[in-house]
């Protein structure tokens, strides 16, 4: 058995919700900063993944998407 505490025991609801809000805000900022062609390409990847015809590719420069505000 794993002796680590459950996530809900480690963090309060407020901390979890705050982290989720920050993640959502970063995602919205990334979408707003993206150009139309990049968004169209991302939509095609997601549609293909949902159809099961190919996996969603990982970003080439993921570190560029992370923001330390």
N, C-alpha and C. Protein backbone atom coordinates (compact mmCIF):
# COMPACT_ATOMS: atom_id res chain seq x y z
N UNK A 1 0.84 -1.19 0.00
CA UNK A 1 0.00 0.00 0.00
C UNK A 1 0.88 1.25 0.00
N UNK A 2 0.37 2.26 -0.60
CA UNK A 2 1.07 3.53 -0.66
C UNK A 2 0.79 4.31 0.61
N UNK A 3 1.84 4.74 1.29
CA UNK A 3 1.68 5.45 2.56
C UNK A 3 1.51 6.96 2.39
N UNK A 4 1.58 7.46 1.14
CA UNK A 4 1.42 8.89 0.94
C UNK A 4 -0.02 9.31 1.20
N UNK A 5 -0.16 10.53 1.68
CA UNK A 5 -1.50 11.05 1.94
C UNK A 5 -2.20 11.34 0.61
N UNK A 6 -3.50 11.30 0.64
CA UNK A 6 -4.28 11.62 -0.55
C UNK A 6 -4.09 13.09 -0.91
N UNK A 7 -4.26 13.40 -2.19
CA UNK A 7 -4.13 14.78 -2.65
C UNK A 7 -5.06 15.70 -1.87
N UNK A 8 -6.28 15.24 -1.62
CA UNK A 8 -7.24 16.07 -0.90
C UNK A 8 -6.81 16.32 0.55
N UNK A 9 -5.99 15.45 1.11
CA UNK A 9 -5.48 15.65 2.46
C UNK A 9 -4.30 16.63 2.46
N UNK A 10 -3.57 16.71 1.38
CA UNK A 10 -2.39 17.57 1.30
C UNK A 10 -2.76 19.03 1.03
N UNK A 11 -3.79 19.24 0.21
CA UNK A 11 -4.14 20.59 -0.23
C UNK A 11 -5.59 20.90 0.11
N UNK A 12 -5.83 22.15 0.42
CA UNK A 12 -7.19 22.57 0.71
C UNK A 12 -7.94 22.75 -0.61
N UNK A 13 -9.24 22.82 -0.50
CA UNK A 13 -10.07 23.05 -1.69
C UNK A 13 -9.69 24.37 -2.34
N UNK A 14 -9.42 25.38 -1.53
CA UNK A 14 -9.05 26.69 -2.06
C UNK A 14 -7.75 26.62 -2.87
N UNK A 15 -6.77 25.85 -2.35
CA UNK A 15 -5.50 25.72 -3.07
C UNK A 15 -5.68 25.00 -4.40
N UNK A 16 -6.49 23.96 -4.39
CA UNK A 16 -6.74 23.21 -5.62
C UNK A 16 -7.47 24.09 -6.64
N UNK A 17 -8.50 24.81 -6.19
CA UNK A 17 -9.25 25.67 -7.10
C UNK A 17 -8.38 26.80 -7.63
N UNK A 18 -7.50 27.33 -6.79
CA UNK A 18 -6.59 28.39 -7.23
C UNK A 18 -5.65 27.88 -8.31
N UNK A 19 -5.12 26.68 -8.12
CA UNK A 19 -4.23 26.09 -9.13
C UNK A 19 -4.98 25.87 -10.43
N UNK A 20 -6.22 25.41 -10.34
CA UNK A 20 -7.02 25.20 -11.55
C UNK A 20 -7.31 26.52 -12.26
N UNK A 21 -7.58 27.58 -11.50
CA UNK A 21 -7.84 28.90 -12.10
C UNK A 21 -6.59 29.41 -12.80
N UNK A 22 -5.42 29.26 -12.15
CA UNK A 22 -4.17 29.71 -12.78
C UNK A 22 -3.90 28.94 -14.07
N UNK A 23 -4.14 27.63 -14.06
CA UNK A 23 -3.93 26.83 -15.26
C UNK A 23 -4.87 27.26 -16.37
N UNK A 24 -6.13 27.52 -16.02
CA UNK A 24 -7.10 27.97 -17.01
C UNK A 24 -6.69 29.33 -17.58
N UNK A 25 -6.26 30.24 -16.72
CA UNK A 25 -5.83 31.56 -17.18
C UNK A 25 -4.64 31.47 -18.12
N UNK A 26 -3.68 30.59 -17.81
CA UNK A 26 -2.52 30.41 -18.70
C UNK A 26 -2.96 29.85 -20.05
N UNK A 27 -3.92 28.93 -20.03
CA UNK A 27 -4.41 28.35 -21.27
C UNK A 27 -5.13 29.41 -22.10
N UNK A 28 -5.96 30.21 -21.48
CA UNK A 28 -6.67 31.28 -22.19
C UNK A 28 -5.66 32.27 -22.77
N UNK A 29 -4.65 32.63 -22.01
CA UNK A 29 -3.62 33.55 -22.51
C UNK A 29 -2.89 32.96 -23.71
N UNK A 30 -2.60 31.67 -23.67
CA UNK A 30 -1.90 31.02 -24.79
C UNK A 30 -2.78 31.01 -26.04
N UNK A 31 -4.06 30.74 -25.87
CA UNK A 31 -4.97 30.74 -27.02
C UNK A 31 -5.10 32.14 -27.59
N UNK A 32 -5.23 33.13 -26.73
CA UNK A 32 -5.35 34.52 -27.20
C UNK A 32 -4.09 34.98 -27.91
N UNK A 33 -2.92 34.47 -27.52
CA UNK A 33 -1.67 34.89 -28.13
C UNK A 33 -1.37 34.14 -29.43
N UNK A 34 -2.06 33.04 -29.66
CA UNK A 34 -1.78 32.21 -30.84
C UNK A 34 -2.36 32.85 -32.10
N UNK A 35 -1.71 32.58 -33.20
CA UNK A 35 -2.23 33.06 -34.48
C UNK A 35 -3.29 32.08 -35.01
N UNK A 36 -4.08 32.53 -35.96
CA UNK A 36 -5.20 31.73 -36.46
C UNK A 36 -4.74 30.41 -37.06
N UNK A 37 -3.64 30.41 -37.79
CA UNK A 37 -3.15 29.17 -38.41
C UNK A 37 -2.77 28.13 -37.36
N UNK A 38 -2.14 28.57 -36.28
CA UNK A 38 -1.76 27.64 -35.21
C UNK A 38 -3.00 27.04 -34.55
N UNK A 39 -4.01 27.86 -34.34
CA UNK A 39 -5.25 27.37 -33.73
C UNK A 39 -5.96 26.37 -34.64
N UNK A 40 -5.96 26.65 -35.94
CA UNK A 40 -6.59 25.73 -36.91
C UNK A 40 -5.84 24.39 -36.91
N UNK A 41 -4.52 24.43 -36.88
CA UNK A 41 -3.72 23.22 -36.85
C UNK A 41 -3.99 22.42 -35.58
N UNK A 42 -4.04 23.11 -34.45
CA UNK A 42 -4.33 22.44 -33.19
C UNK A 42 -5.72 21.79 -33.22
N UNK A 43 -6.68 22.48 -33.81
CA UNK A 43 -8.04 21.92 -33.91
C UNK A 43 -8.04 20.65 -34.76
N UNK A 44 -7.27 20.65 -35.82
CA UNK A 44 -7.18 19.44 -36.66
C UNK A 44 -6.57 18.27 -35.90
N UNK A 45 -5.53 18.56 -35.11
CA UNK A 45 -4.91 17.49 -34.30
C UNK A 45 -5.90 16.92 -33.30
N UNK A 46 -6.66 17.81 -32.65
CA UNK A 46 -7.63 17.35 -31.65
C UNK A 46 -8.73 16.54 -32.32
N UNK A 47 -9.22 17.00 -33.45
CA UNK A 47 -10.27 16.25 -34.16
C UNK A 47 -9.77 14.87 -34.56
N UNK A 48 -8.54 14.79 -35.05
CA UNK A 48 -7.97 13.50 -35.44
C UNK A 48 -7.82 12.58 -34.23
N UNK A 49 -7.39 13.16 -33.11
CA UNK A 49 -7.22 12.35 -31.90
C UNK A 49 -8.57 11.83 -31.40
N UNK A 50 -9.60 12.67 -31.48
CA UNK A 50 -10.93 12.24 -31.04
C UNK A 50 -11.50 11.15 -31.97
N UNK A 51 -11.15 11.23 -33.24
CA UNK A 51 -11.58 10.19 -34.19
C UNK A 51 -10.76 8.92 -33.99
N UNK A 52 -9.60 9.05 -33.35
CA UNK A 52 -8.75 7.89 -33.11
C UNK A 52 -7.81 7.59 -34.26
N UNK A 53 -7.65 8.52 -35.19
CA UNK A 53 -6.79 8.27 -36.33
C UNK A 53 -5.32 8.59 -36.07
N UNK A 54 -5.04 9.44 -35.08
CA UNK A 54 -3.65 9.73 -34.72
C UNK A 54 -3.61 10.42 -33.36
N UNK A 55 -2.49 10.31 -32.64
CA UNK A 55 -2.38 10.93 -31.32
C UNK A 55 -2.14 12.43 -31.43
N UNK A 56 -2.43 13.14 -30.36
CA UNK A 56 -2.14 14.57 -30.31
C UNK A 56 -0.64 14.73 -30.09
N UNK A 57 0.04 15.47 -30.97
CA UNK A 57 1.49 15.66 -30.78
C UNK A 57 1.78 16.58 -29.60
N UNK A 58 2.91 16.35 -28.96
CA UNK A 58 3.34 17.23 -27.87
C UNK A 58 3.92 18.50 -28.47
N UNK A 59 3.81 19.62 -27.76
CA UNK A 59 4.42 20.86 -28.26
C UNK A 59 5.93 20.68 -28.41
N UNK A 60 6.49 21.28 -29.43
CA UNK A 60 7.92 21.16 -29.66
C UNK A 60 8.70 21.92 -28.60
N UNK A 61 8.15 23.04 -28.15
CA UNK A 61 8.84 23.84 -27.13
C UNK A 61 7.89 24.07 -25.98
N UNK A 62 7.63 23.02 -25.21
CA UNK A 62 6.68 23.12 -24.10
C UNK A 62 7.10 24.17 -23.09
N UNK A 63 8.40 24.31 -22.87
CA UNK A 63 8.87 25.27 -21.88
C UNK A 63 8.46 26.69 -22.25
N UNK A 64 8.23 26.96 -23.54
CA UNK A 64 7.79 28.28 -23.97
C UNK A 64 6.34 28.55 -23.59
N UNK A 65 5.57 27.49 -23.34
CA UNK A 65 4.17 27.67 -22.98
C UNK A 65 3.98 27.94 -21.50
N UNK A 66 4.98 27.59 -20.69
CA UNK A 66 4.88 27.75 -19.25
C UNK A 66 5.27 29.19 -18.89
N UNK A 67 4.43 29.80 -18.08
CA UNK A 67 4.69 31.18 -17.68
C UNK A 67 4.81 31.26 -16.17
N UNK A 68 5.86 31.89 -15.68
CA UNK A 68 6.05 32.07 -14.24
C UNK A 68 5.62 33.48 -13.87
N UNK A 69 4.31 33.66 -13.69
CA UNK A 69 3.79 35.00 -13.36
C UNK A 69 3.96 35.32 -11.92
